[in-house]
Amino acid sequence: MKPATFDYLAPRTLPEALAALGEGAQVLAGGQSLLLEMHLKRLDPALVVDVNHVPGLDHLDVADGRVEVGALVRHKVFESPEAVPGPLGGLFARAVVNIAHPPIRTRGTMVGSLAWAHPASEWCALAMALDAEIDLAAAHGTRTIAARDYFLGPFRTARRPDELITVIRFPLLSPDTGVGFLEHRRTGFSFAQVAVGAAITIREGVVTEARIGLANCADRPIRAEAAEQSLIGAEIACPGGPRVPADHPFTRAGRTAADQDAAPVPEPHADVEYRRHVIAVLVARTLREAAIR
């Protein structure tokens, strides 16, 4: 299929780009989701605003204990754990290799993933788990919104049609934090049926902090807060094999995530019962991976 006719604008400054945004306009950065939807005629924008020539949107900076990811930073950058300092770089590197395949990662962007807000998005789940902040710019001014307030439902966010996400800001993780990321999908290039990202801190054998993000476990990315709370203060003996014992705190946290945090819906290849089982197992295994690290 070919998309319907649309106008195209390639602004050279941020004010020019912001002035063009509004109802009927779509932003093009990587275009890996936008162009497909246009070809399938599920989207019919009157105007496509290509921001690839706007200077300053491709920055990746670390300051004041946070990393700032600009709107044009490509997925591929995060394949190197050294792109971001400390355990956060390792978590990003483990998550990004699950995104599609190399050509997509070369063009697609983290910010684009948050703008699109697919429930199965790896970056969206990590934004929830890590309390990311999202900077939104419009011609009339800017605002910052927390990830927990940003996602409203499948492909629905708090971003207004006249706003552009310019920066996503993540807090750096402490050096003694372990990280893990796992996902389950039908084929190598399918969307995740379930994806889990975790960051936990264990001091003297006791969990002092836990962050768990879930993708495709509800109608939007979620943070497994009940599962996190079940881990705080738990004494941890890291399982030696790939299976986590039934009475282990990680297993209990997995069941809590599946039963209390998640709200899965049936899919053609996975009913709700199966998906809850996958969530429980994957959360436990991701926590084990984080503890080992």
C-alpha atoms as a PDB file:
ATOM      1  CA  MET A   1       0.000   0.000   0.000  1.00  0.00           C
ATOM      2  CA  LYS A   2       0.996   3.623  -0.378  1.00  0.00           C
ATOM      3  CA  PRO A   3       0.088   6.421   2.037  1.00  0.00           C
ATOM      4  CA  ALA A   4      -2.389   9.117   1.192  1.00  0.00           C
ATOM      5  CA  THR A   5      -1.072  12.481   0.055  1.00  0.00           C
ATOM      6  CA  PHE A   6       0.479  14.597   2.809  1.00  0.00           C
ATOM      7  CA  ASP A   7       2.527  17.765   3.171  1.00  0.00           C
ATOM      8  CA  TYR A   8       6.138  17.479   4.301  1.00  0.00           C
ATOM      9  CA  LEU A   9       8.199  19.977   6.283  1.00  0.00           C
ATOM     10  CA  ALA A  10      11.874  19.644   7.271  1.00  0.00           C
ATOM     11  CA  PRO A  11      12.471  22.525   9.696  1.00  0.00           C
ATOM     12  CA  ARG A  12      16.019  23.652  10.516  1.00  0.00           C
ATOM     13  CA  THR A  13      15.284  25.142  13.936  1.00  0.00           C
ATOM     14  CA  LEU A  14      13.296  24.021  16.956  1.00  0.00           C
ATOM     15  CA  PRO A  15      10.971  27.067  16.925  1.00  0.00           C
ATOM     16  CA  GLU A  16      10.144  26.356  13.284  1.00  0.00           C
ATOM     17  CA  ALA A  17       9.332  22.730  14.107  1.00  0.00           C
ATOM     18  CA  LEU A  18       7.156  23.656  17.087  1.00  0.00           C
ATOM     19  CA  ALA A  19       5.252  26.267  15.083  1.00  0.00           C
ATOM     20  CA  ALA A  20       4.243  23.577  12.578  1.00  0.00           C
ATOM     21  CA  LEU A  21       2.854  21.123  15.126  1.00  0.00           C
ATOM     22  CA  GLY A  22      -0.833  20.809  15.893  1.00  0.00           C
ATOM     23  CA  GLU A  23      -3.897  18.774  14.964  1.00  0.00           C
ATOM     24  CA  GLY A  24      -3.244  16.712  11.845  1.00  0.00           C
ATOM     25  CA  ALA A  25       0.559  16.851  12.123  1.00  0.00           C
ATOM     26  CA  GLN A  26       2.881  13.936  12.883  1.00  0.00           C
ATOM     27  CA  VAL A  27       6.537  14.114  13.906  1.00  0.00           C
ATOM     28  CA  LEU A  28       9.100  12.107  11.935  1.00  0.00           C
ATOM     29  CA  ALA A  29      12.327  11.165  13.729  1.00  0.00           C
ATOM     30  CA  GLY A  30      13.119   7.509  13.028  1.00  0.00           C
ATOM     31  CA  GLY A  31       9.778   6.859  11.366  1.00  0.00           C
ATOM     32  CA  GLN A  32       9.892   3.126  12.042  1.00  0.00           C
ATOM     33  CA  SER A  33       6.320   3.068  13.369  1.00  0.00           C
ATOM     34  CA  LEU A  34       4.894   6.166  11.709  1.00  0.00           C
ATOM     35  CA  LEU A  35       5.689   5.198   8.129  1.00  0.00           C
ATOM     36  CA  LEU A  36       4.298   1.691   8.534  1.00  0.00           C
ATOM     37  CA  GLU A  37       1.029   3.036   9.916  1.00  0.00           C
ATOM     38  CA  MET A  38       0.819   5.509   7.046  1.00  0.00           C
ATOM     39  CA  HIS A  39       1.456   2.795   4.442  1.00  0.00           C
ATOM     40  CA  LEU A  40      -1.257   0.652   6.028  1.00  0.00           C
ATOM     41  CA  LYS A  41      -3.526   3.723   6.033  1.00  0.00           C
ATOM     42  CA  ARG A  42      -4.133   3.479   9.744  1.00  0.00           C
ATOM     43  CA  LEU A  43      -2.756   7.018  10.017  1.00  0.00           C
ATOM     44  CA  ASP A  44      -3.483   9.805   7.570  1.00  0.00           C
ATOM     45  CA  PRO A  45      -1.616  12.941   8.691  1.00  0.00           C
ATOM     46  CA  ALA A  46      -2.062  16.159   6.791  1.00  0.00           C
ATOM     47  CA  LEU A  47       1.510  17.177   7.606  1.00  0.00           C
ATOM     48  CA  VAL A  48       4.689  15.262   8.465  1.00  0.00           C
ATOM     49  CA  VAL A  49       7.256  17.341  10.358  1.00  0.00           C
ATOM     50  CA  ASP A  50      10.722  15.831   9.893  1.00  0.00           C
ATOM     51  CA  VAL A  51      12.867  16.932  12.866  1.00  0.00           C
ATOM     52  CA  ASN A  52      16.059  15.184  11.736  1.00  0.00           C
ATOM     53  CA  HIS A  53      17.657  18.474  10.697  1.00  0.00           C
ATOM     54  CA  VAL A  54      16.914  20.329  13.947  1.00  0.00           C
ATOM     55  CA  PRO A  55      20.204  20.901  15.793  1.00  0.00           C
ATOM     56  CA  GLY A  56      20.581  19.961  19.444  1.00  0.00           C
ATOM     57  CA  LEU A  57      18.090  17.092  19.527  1.00  0.00           C
ATOM     58  CA  ASP A  58      20.732  14.358  19.240  1.00  0.00           C
ATOM     59  CA  HIS A  59      22.455  14.986  22.568  1.00  0.00           C
ATOM     60  CA  LEU A  60      23.134  12.344  25.208  1.00  0.00           C
ATOM     61  CA  ASP A  61      24.366  14.082  28.349  1.00  0.00           C
ATOM     62  CA  VAL A  62      25.054  13.126  31.955  1.00  0.00           C
ATOM     63  CA  ALA A  63      24.725  15.784  34.651  1.00  0.00           C
ATOM     64  CA  ASP A  64      23.580  16.011  38.280  1.00  0.00           C
ATOM     65  CA  GLY A  65      23.123  12.258  38.612  1.00  0.00           C
ATOM     66  CA  ARG A  66      20.875  11.981  35.580  1.00  0.00           C
ATOM     67  CA  VAL A  67      21.197  11.100  31.914  1.00  0.00           C
ATOM     68  CA  GLU A  68      19.376  13.174  29.322  1.00  0.00           C
ATOM     69  CA  VAL A  69      18.396  11.483  26.065  1.00  0.00           C
ATOM     70  CA  GLY A  70      17.552  13.825  23.202  1.00  0.00           C
ATOM     71  CA  ALA A  71      14.820  13.234  20.647  1.00  0.00           C
ATOM     72  CA  LEU A  72      17.213  12.081  17.892  1.00  0.00           C
ATOM     73  CA  VAL A  73      19.355   9.629  19.884  1.00  0.00           C
ATOM     74  CA  ARG A  74      19.010   6.310  18.047  1.00  0.00           C
ATOM     75  CA  HIS A  75      18.361   2.935  19.672  1.00  0.00           C
ATOM     76  CA  LYS A  76      21.707   1.658  18.415  1.00  0.00           C
ATOM     77  CA  VAL A  77      23.656   4.036  20.656  1.00  0.00           C
ATOM     78  CA  PHE A  78      22.565   2.074  23.719  1.00  0.00           C
ATOM     79  CA  GLU A  79      23.869  -1.252  22.443  1.00  0.00           C
ATOM     80  CA  SER A  80      27.163  -0.254  24.103  1.00  0.00           C
ATOM     81  CA  PRO A  81      26.927  -0.421  27.923  1.00  0.00           C
ATOM     82  CA  GLU A  82      29.449   2.432  28.038  1.00  0.00           C
ATOM     83  CA  ALA A  83      26.990   4.825  26.381  1.00  0.00           C
ATOM     84  CA  VAL A  84      25.512   5.551  29.819  1.00  0.00           C
ATOM     85  CA  PRO A  85      27.539   5.310  33.049  1.00  0.00           C
ATOM     86  CA  GLY A  86      27.122   2.527  35.587  1.00  0.00           C
ATOM     87  CA  PRO A  87      24.397  -0.104  35.838  1.00  0.00           C
ATOM     88  CA  LEU A  88      21.929   2.026  33.879  1.00  0.00           C
ATOM     89  CA  GLY A  89      24.082   1.595  30.774  1.00  0.00           C
ATOM     90  CA  GLY A  90      24.042  -2.155  31.309  1.00  0.00           C
ATOM     91  CA  LEU A  91      20.256  -2.166  31.672  1.00  0.00           C
ATOM     92  CA  PHE A  92      19.786  -0.134  28.497  1.00  0.00           C
ATOM     93  CA  ALA A  93      22.151  -2.457  26.617  1.00  0.00           C
ATOM     94  CA  ARG A  94      20.219  -5.535  27.732  1.00  0.00           C
ATOM     95  CA  ALA A  95      16.887  -3.991  26.758  1.00  0.00           C
ATOM     96  CA  VAL A  96      17.785  -2.478  23.387  1.00  0.00           C
ATOM     97  CA  VAL A  97      18.833  -5.723  21.683  1.00  0.00           C
ATOM     98  CA  ASN A  98      15.219  -6.868  22.017  1.00  0.00           C
ATOM     99  CA  ILE A  99      14.015  -4.034  19.810  1.00  0.00           C
ATOM    100  CA  ALA A 100      13.292  -5.317  16.291  1.00  0.00           C
ATOM    101  CA  HIS A 101      16.537  -5.826  14.324  1.00  0.00           C
ATOM    102  CA  PRO A 102      19.695  -3.790  13.480  1.00  0.00           C
ATOM    103  CA  PRO A 103      18.294  -1.623  10.645  1.00  0.00           C
ATOM    104  CA  ILE A 104      15.388  -0.551  12.861  1.00  0.00           C
ATOM    105  CA  ARG A 105      17.718   0.191  15.779  1.00  0.00           C
ATOM    106  CA  THR A 106      19.910   2.293  13.494  1.00  0.00           C
ATOM    107  CA  ARG A 107      17.045   4.660  12.639  1.00  0.00           C
ATOM    108  CA  GLY A 108      14.527   4.382  15.466  1.00  0.00           C
ATOM    109  CA  THR A 109      14.773   6.495  18.619  1.00  0.00           C
ATOM    110  CA  MET A 110      14.072   6.064  22.309  1.00  0.00           C
ATOM    111  CA  VAL A 111      12.007   9.253  22.328  1.00  0.00           C
ATOM    112  CA  GLY A 112       9.999   7.978  19.371  1.00  0.00           C
ATOM    113  CA  SER A 113       9.126   4.852  21.349  1.00  0.00           C
ATOM    114  CA  LEU A 114       7.753   6.956  24.189  1.00  0.00           C
ATOM    115  CA  ALA A 115       5.879   9.187  21.766  1.00  0.00           C
ATOM    116  CA  TRP A 116       4.299   6.121  20.125  1.00  0.00           C
ATOM    117  CA  ALA A 117       3.551   4.445  23.495  1.00  0.00           C
ATOM    118  CA  HIS A 118       3.097   0.872  22.326  1.00  0.00           C
ATOM    119  CA  PRO A 119       2.164  -1.250  25.384  1.00  0.00           C
ATOM    120  CA  ALA A 120       4.949  -3.713  24.459  1.00  0.00           C
ATOM    121  CA  SER A 121       7.676  -1.060  24.226  1.00  0.00           C
ATOM    122  CA  GLU A 122      10.844  -1.894  26.141  1.00  0.00           C
ATOM    123  CA  TRP A 123      11.783   1.768  26.634  1.00  0.00           C
ATOM    124  CA  CYS A 124       8.345   2.643  27.961  1.00  0.00           C
ATOM    125  CA  ALA A 125       8.568  -0.089  30.601  1.00  0.00           C
ATOM    126  CA  LEU A 126      11.984   1.162  31.713  1.00  0.00           C
ATOM    127  CA  ALA A 127      10.731   4.739  31.817  1.00  0.00           C
ATOM    128  CA  MET A 128       8.058   3.602  34.260  1.00  0.00           C
ATOM    129  CA  ALA A 129      10.401   1.495  36.368  1.00  0.00           C
ATOM    130  CA  LEU A 130      13.034   4.217  36.666  1.00  0.00           C
ATOM    131  CA  ASP A 131      10.767   7.233  37.270  1.00  0.00           C
ATOM    132  CA  ALA A 132      11.837   8.936  34.056  1.00  0.00           C
ATOM    133  CA  GLU A 133      10.890  12.525  33.342  1.00  0.00           C
ATOM    134  CA  ILE A 134       9.748  13.708  29.916  1.00  0.00           C
ATOM    135  CA  ASP A 135      10.313  17.239  28.628  1.00  0.00           C
ATOM    136  CA  LEU A 136       7.634  18.495  26.242  1.00  0.00           C
ATOM    137  CA  ALA A 137       8.072  21.639  24.170  1.00  0.00           C
ATOM    138  CA  ALA A 138       5.455  23.680  22.323  1.00  0.00           C
ATOM    139  CA  ALA A 139       5.459  27.062  20.666  1.00  0.00           C
ATOM    140  CA  HIS A 140       3.851  28.582  23.765  1.00  0.00           C
ATOM    141  CA  GLY A 141       6.238  27.043  26.318  1.00  0.00           C
ATOM    142  CA  THR A 142       7.631  23.855  27.857  1.00  0.00           C
ATOM    143  CA  ARG A 143       6.658  21.451  30.613  1.00  0.00           C
ATOM    144  CA  THR A 144       8.005  18.348  32.301  1.00  0.00           C
ATOM    145  CA  ILE A 145       5.854  15.330  33.088  1.00  0.00           C
ATOM    146  CA  ALA A 146       6.660  12.172  35.043  1.00  0.00           C
ATOM    147  CA  ALA A 147       6.431   8.869  33.181  1.00  0.00           C
ATOM    148  CA  ARG A 148       3.808   7.649  35.654  1.00  0.00           C
ATOM    149  CA  ASP A 149       1.503  10.478  34.493  1.00  0.00           C
ATOM    150  CA  TYR A 150       2.413  10.311  30.827  1.00  0.00           C
ATOM    151  CA  PHE A 151       1.018   6.946  29.649  1.00  0.00           C
ATOM    152  CA  LEU A 152      -2.780   6.912  29.386  1.00  0.00           C
ATOM    153  CA  GLY A 153      -3.484   3.737  27.401  1.00  0.00           C
ATOM    154  CA  PRO A 154      -2.550   1.929  24.190  1.00  0.00           C
ATOM    155  CA  PHE A 155      -0.870   4.547  21.973  1.00  0.00           C
ATOM    156  CA  ARG A 156      -2.347   7.298  24.172  1.00  0.00           C
ATOM    157  CA  THR A 157      -0.250   9.725  26.164  1.00  0.00           C
ATOM    158  CA  ALA A 158      -0.451  13.105  27.870  1.00  0.00           C
ATOM    159  CA  ARG A 159       1.472  14.689  24.983  1.00  0.00           C
ATOM    160  CA  ARG A 160      -0.619  17.255  23.146  1.00  0.00           C
ATOM    161  CA  PRO A 161      -0.688  17.479  19.322  1.00  0.00           C
ATOM    162  CA  ASP A 162       1.300  20.730  19.398  1.00  0.00           C
ATOM    163  CA  GLU A 163       4.049  19.302  21.641  1.00  0.00           C
ATOM    164  CA  LEU A 164       7.371  17.658  20.826  1.00  0.00           C
ATOM    165  CA  ILE A 165       9.268  15.432  23.259  1.00  0.00           C
ATOM    166  CA  THR A 166      12.719  16.988  23.357  1.00  0.00           C
ATOM    167  CA  VAL A 167      14.326  15.052  26.234  1.00  0.00           C
ATOM    168  CA  ILE A 168      13.812  11.964  28.386  1.00  0.00           C
ATOM    169  CA  ARG A 169      15.639  12.146  31.707  1.00  0.00           C
ATOM    170  CA  PHE A 170      16.598   9.043  33.734  1.00  0.00           C
ATOM    171  CA  PRO A 171      18.235   8.950  37.180  1.00  0.00           C
ATOM    172  CA  LEU A 172      21.533   7.099  37.205  1.00  0.00           C
ATOM    173  CA  LEU A 173      21.604   3.900  39.254  1.00  0.00           C
ATOM    174  CA  SER A 174      23.953   3.449  42.197  1.00  0.00           C
ATOM    175  CA  PRO A 175      27.056   1.312  41.521  1.00  0.00           C
ATOM    176  CA  ASP A 176      25.799  -1.492  43.790  1.00  0.00           C
ATOM    177  CA  THR A 177      22.575  -1.930  41.805  1.00  0.00           C
ATOM    178  CA  GLY A 178      22.056  -5.093  39.774  1.00  0.00           C
ATOM    179  CA  VAL A 179      20.014  -4.978  36.575  1.00  0.00           C
ATOM    180  CA  GLY A 180      18.188  -7.480  34.402  1.00  0.00           C
ATOM    181  CA  PHE A 181      15.944  -7.496  31.352  1.00  0.00           C
ATOM    182  CA  LEU A 182      14.101 -10.420  29.792  1.00  0.00           C
ATOM    183  CA  GLU A 183      11.210 -10.803  27.412  1.00  0.00           C
ATOM    184  CA  HIS A 184       9.066 -13.567  25.942  1.00  0.00           C
ATOM    185  CA  ARG A 185       7.781 -13.448  22.371  1.00  0.00           C
ATOM    186  CA  ARG A 186       6.533 -15.876  19.755  1.00  0.00           C
ATOM    187  CA  THR A 187       9.227 -15.184  17.150  1.00  0.00           C
ATOM    188  CA  GLY A 188      12.503 -13.306  17.023  1.00  0.00           C
ATOM    189  CA  PHE A 189      10.882 -10.229  15.470  1.00  0.00           C
ATOM    190  CA  SER A 190       7.478 -10.313  17.191  1.00  0.00           C
ATOM    191  CA  PHE A 191       6.427  -7.756  19.771  1.00  0.00           C
ATOM    192  CA  ALA A 192       7.018  -8.959  23.315  1.00  0.00           C
ATOM    193  CA  GLN A 193       4.140 -10.883  24.831  1.00  0.00           C
ATOM    194  CA  VAL A 194       5.727  -9.967  28.160  1.00  0.00           C
ATOM    195  CA  ALA A 195       8.868  -7.948  28.905  1.00  0.00           C
ATOM    196  CA  VAL A 196      10.383  -7.250  32.310  1.00  0.00           C
ATOM    197  CA  GLY A 197      13.105  -4.821  33.341  1.00  0.00           C
ATOM    198  CA  ALA A 198      14.444  -4.822  36.889  1.00  0.00           C
ATOM    199  CA  ALA A 199      16.973  -2.967  39.017  1.00  0.00           C
ATOM    200  CA  ILE A 200      17.569  -4.112  42.600  1.00  0.00           C
ATOM    201  CA  THR A 201      19.998  -3.202  45.335  1.00  0.00           C
ATOM    202  CA  ILE A 202      21.026  -5.888  47.828  1.00  0.00           C
ATOM    203  CA  ARG A 203      23.121  -4.922  50.847  1.00  0.00           C
ATOM    204  CA  GLU A 204      24.382  -7.571  53.273  1.00  0.00           C
ATOM    205  CA  GLY A 205      22.023 -10.081  51.715  1.00  0.00           C
ATOM    206  CA  VAL A 206      18.907  -7.912  52.102  1.00  0.00           C
ATOM    207  CA  VAL A 207      16.981  -6.105  49.361  1.00  0.00           C
ATOM    208  CA  THR A 208      16.991  -2.366  50.076  1.00  0.00           C
ATOM    209  CA  GLU A 209      15.545  -1.100  46.800  1.00  0.00           C
ATOM    210  CA  ALA A 210      13.678  -2.656  43.878  1.00  0.00           C
ATOM    211  CA  ARG A 211      12.365  -1.309  40.590  1.00  0.00           C
ATOM    212  CA  ILE A 212      10.368  -3.487  38.186  1.00  0.00           C
ATOM    213  CA  GLY A 213       8.880  -2.350  34.884  1.00  0.00           C
ATOM    214  CA  LEU A 214       6.453  -4.456  32.853  1.00  0.00           C
ATOM    215  CA  ALA A 215       5.682  -4.211  29.130  1.00  0.00           C
ATOM    216  CA  ASN A 216       2.565  -5.682  27.490  1.00  0.00           C
ATOM    217  CA  CYS A 217       1.171  -6.702  30.864  1.00  0.00           C
ATOM    218  CA  ALA A 218      -1.653  -4.144  30.796  1.00  0.00           C
ATOM    219  CA  ASP A 219      -3.043  -1.543  28.392  1.00  0.00           C
ATOM    220  CA  ARG A 220       0.046   0.582  29.074  1.00  0.00           C
ATOM    221  CA  PRO A 221       3.542   0.078  30.516  1.00  0.00           C
ATOM    222  CA  ILE A 222       3.372  -0.310  34.277  1.00  0.00           C
ATOM    223  CA  ARG A 223       5.570  -0.392  37.341  1.00  0.00           C
ATOM    224  CA  ALA A 224       5.101  -3.481  39.498  1.00  0.00           C
ATOM    225  CA  GLU A 225       4.863  -1.610  42.787  1.00  0.00           C
ATOM    226  CA  ALA A 226       3.250  -4.389  44.812  1.00  0.00           C
ATOM    227  CA  ALA A 227       5.967  -6.813  43.712  1.00  0.00           C
ATOM    228  CA  GLU A 228       8.628  -4.245  44.571  1.00  0.00           C
ATOM    229  CA  GLN A 229       7.246  -3.754  48.060  1.00  0.00           C
ATOM    230  CA  SER A 230       7.164  -7.509  48.637  1.00  0.00           C
ATOM    231  CA  LEU A 231      10.936  -7.568  48.117  1.00  0.00           C
ATOM    232  CA  ILE A 232      11.999  -4.751  50.414  1.00  0.00           C
ATOM    233  CA  GLY A 233      13.698  -6.240  53.475  1.00  0.00           C
ATOM    234  CA  ALA A 234      13.721  -9.764  52.027  1.00  0.00           C
ATOM    235  CA  GLU A 235      16.815 -11.858  52.648  1.00  0.00           C
ATOM    236  CA  ILE A 236      18.176 -13.084  49.343  1.00  0.00           C
ATOM    237  CA  ALA A 237      20.191 -16.170  48.569  1.00  0.00           C
ATOM    238  CA  CYS A 238      20.741 -16.013  44.828  1.00  0.00           C
ATOM    239  CA  PRO A 239      19.581 -19.204  43.071  1.00  0.00           C
ATOM    240  CA  GLY A 240      22.428 -21.076  41.427  1.00  0.00           C
ATOM    241  CA  GLY A 241      20.536 -22.530  38.460  1.00  0.00           C
ATOM    242  CA  PRO A 242      18.196 -20.991  35.886  1.00  0.00           C
ATOM    243  CA  ARG A 243      15.103 -21.995  37.858  1.00  0.00           C
ATOM    244  CA  VAL A 244      14.072 -19.953  40.895  1.00  0.00           C
ATOM    245  CA  PRO A 245      12.792 -22.106  43.816  1.00  0.00           C
ATOM    246  CA  ALA A 246       9.064 -21.946  44.520  1.00  0.00           C
ATOM    247  CA  ASP A 247       9.565 -20.477  47.995  1.00  0.00           C
ATOM    248  CA  HIS A 248      12.148 -17.854  46.959  1.00  0.00           C
ATOM    249  CA  PRO A 249      11.310 -14.122  47.433  1.00  0.00           C
ATOM    250  CA  PHE A 250      11.818 -13.618  43.694  1.00  0.00           C
ATOM    251  CA  THR A 251       9.173 -16.246  42.942  1.00  0.00           C
ATOM    252  CA  ARG A 252       6.755 -14.636  45.378  1.00  0.00           C
ATOM    253  CA  ALA A 253       7.424 -11.250  43.802  1.00  0.00           C
ATOM    254  CA  GLY A 254       6.686 -12.737  40.380  1.00  0.00           C
ATOM    255  CA  ARG A 255       3.345 -14.062  41.543  1.00  0.00           C
ATOM    256  CA  THR A 256       2.528 -10.704  43.136  1.00  0.00           C
ATOM    257  CA  ALA A 257       3.367  -8.895  39.911  1.00  0.00           C
ATOM    258  CA  ALA A 258       1.166 -11.276  37.908  1.00  0.00           C
ATOM    259  CA  ASP A 259      -1.786 -11.221  40.310  1.00  0.00           C
ATOM    260  CA  GLN A 260      -1.766  -7.680  41.689  1.00  0.00           C
ATOM    261  CA  ASP A 261       0.216  -5.374  39.397  1.00  0.00           C
ATOM    262  CA  ALA A 262      -0.531  -6.718  35.934  1.00  0.00           C
ATOM    263  CA  ALA A 263      -3.823  -6.508  34.065  1.00  0.00           C
ATOM    264  CA  PRO A 264      -3.200  -8.648  30.960  1.00  0.00           C
ATOM    265  CA  VAL A 265      -5.772  -9.057  28.220  1.00  0.00           C
ATOM    266  CA  PRO A 266      -6.181 -12.159  26.052  1.00  0.00           C
ATOM    267  CA  GLU A 267      -4.356 -12.300  22.728  1.00  0.00           C
ATOM    268  CA  PRO A 268      -4.799 -14.706  19.799  1.00  0.00           C
ATOM    269  CA  HIS A 269      -1.844 -16.824  20.963  1.00  0.00           C
ATOM    270  CA  ALA A 270      -2.067 -16.299  24.732  1.00  0.00           C
ATOM    271  CA  ASP A 271      -5.049 -16.258  27.081  1.00  0.00           C
ATOM    272  CA  VAL A 272      -5.001 -14.348  30.372  1.00  0.00           C
ATOM    273  CA  GLU A 273      -4.078 -17.374  32.486  1.00  0.00           C
ATOM    274  CA  TYR A 274      -1.082 -18.148  30.294  1.00  0.00           C
ATOM    275  CA  ARG A 275       0.057 -14.534  30.280  1.00  0.00           C
ATOM    276  CA  ARG A 276      -0.117 -14.295  34.071  1.00  0.00           C
ATOM    277  CA  HIS A 277       2.002 -17.439  34.286  1.00  0.00           C
ATOM    278  CA  VAL A 278       4.582 -15.935  31.924  1.00  0.00           C
ATOM    279  CA  ILE A 279       4.646 -12.690  33.920  1.00  0.00           C
ATOM    280  CA  ALA A 280       5.277 -14.550  37.176  1.00  0.00           C
ATOM    281  CA  VAL A 281       8.084 -16.651  35.722  1.00  0.00           C
ATOM    282  CA  LEU A 282       9.733 -13.802  33.828  1.00  0.00           C
ATOM    283  CA  VAL A 283       9.713 -11.430  36.801  1.00  0.00           C
ATOM    284  CA  ALA A 284      11.373 -14.068  38.985  1.00  0.00           C
ATOM    285  CA  ARG A 285      14.011 -14.839  36.367  1.00  0.00           C
ATOM    286  CA  THR A 286      14.711 -11.155  35.678  1.00  0.00           C
ATOM    287  CA  LEU A 287      15.183 -10.507  39.392  1.00  0.00           C
ATOM    288  CA  ARG A 288      17.554 -13.453  39.562  1.00  0.00           C
ATOM    289  CA  GLU A 289      19.536 -12.027  36.660  1.00  0.00           C
ATOM    290  CA  ALA A 290      19.696  -8.645  38.392  1.00  0.00           C
ATOM    291  CA  ALA A 291      20.847 -10.207  41.653  1.00  0.00           C
ATOM    292  CA  ILE A 292      23.625 -12.119  39.926  1.00  0.00           C
ATOM    293  CA  ARG A 293      24.822  -8.907  38.335  1.00  0.00           C
END
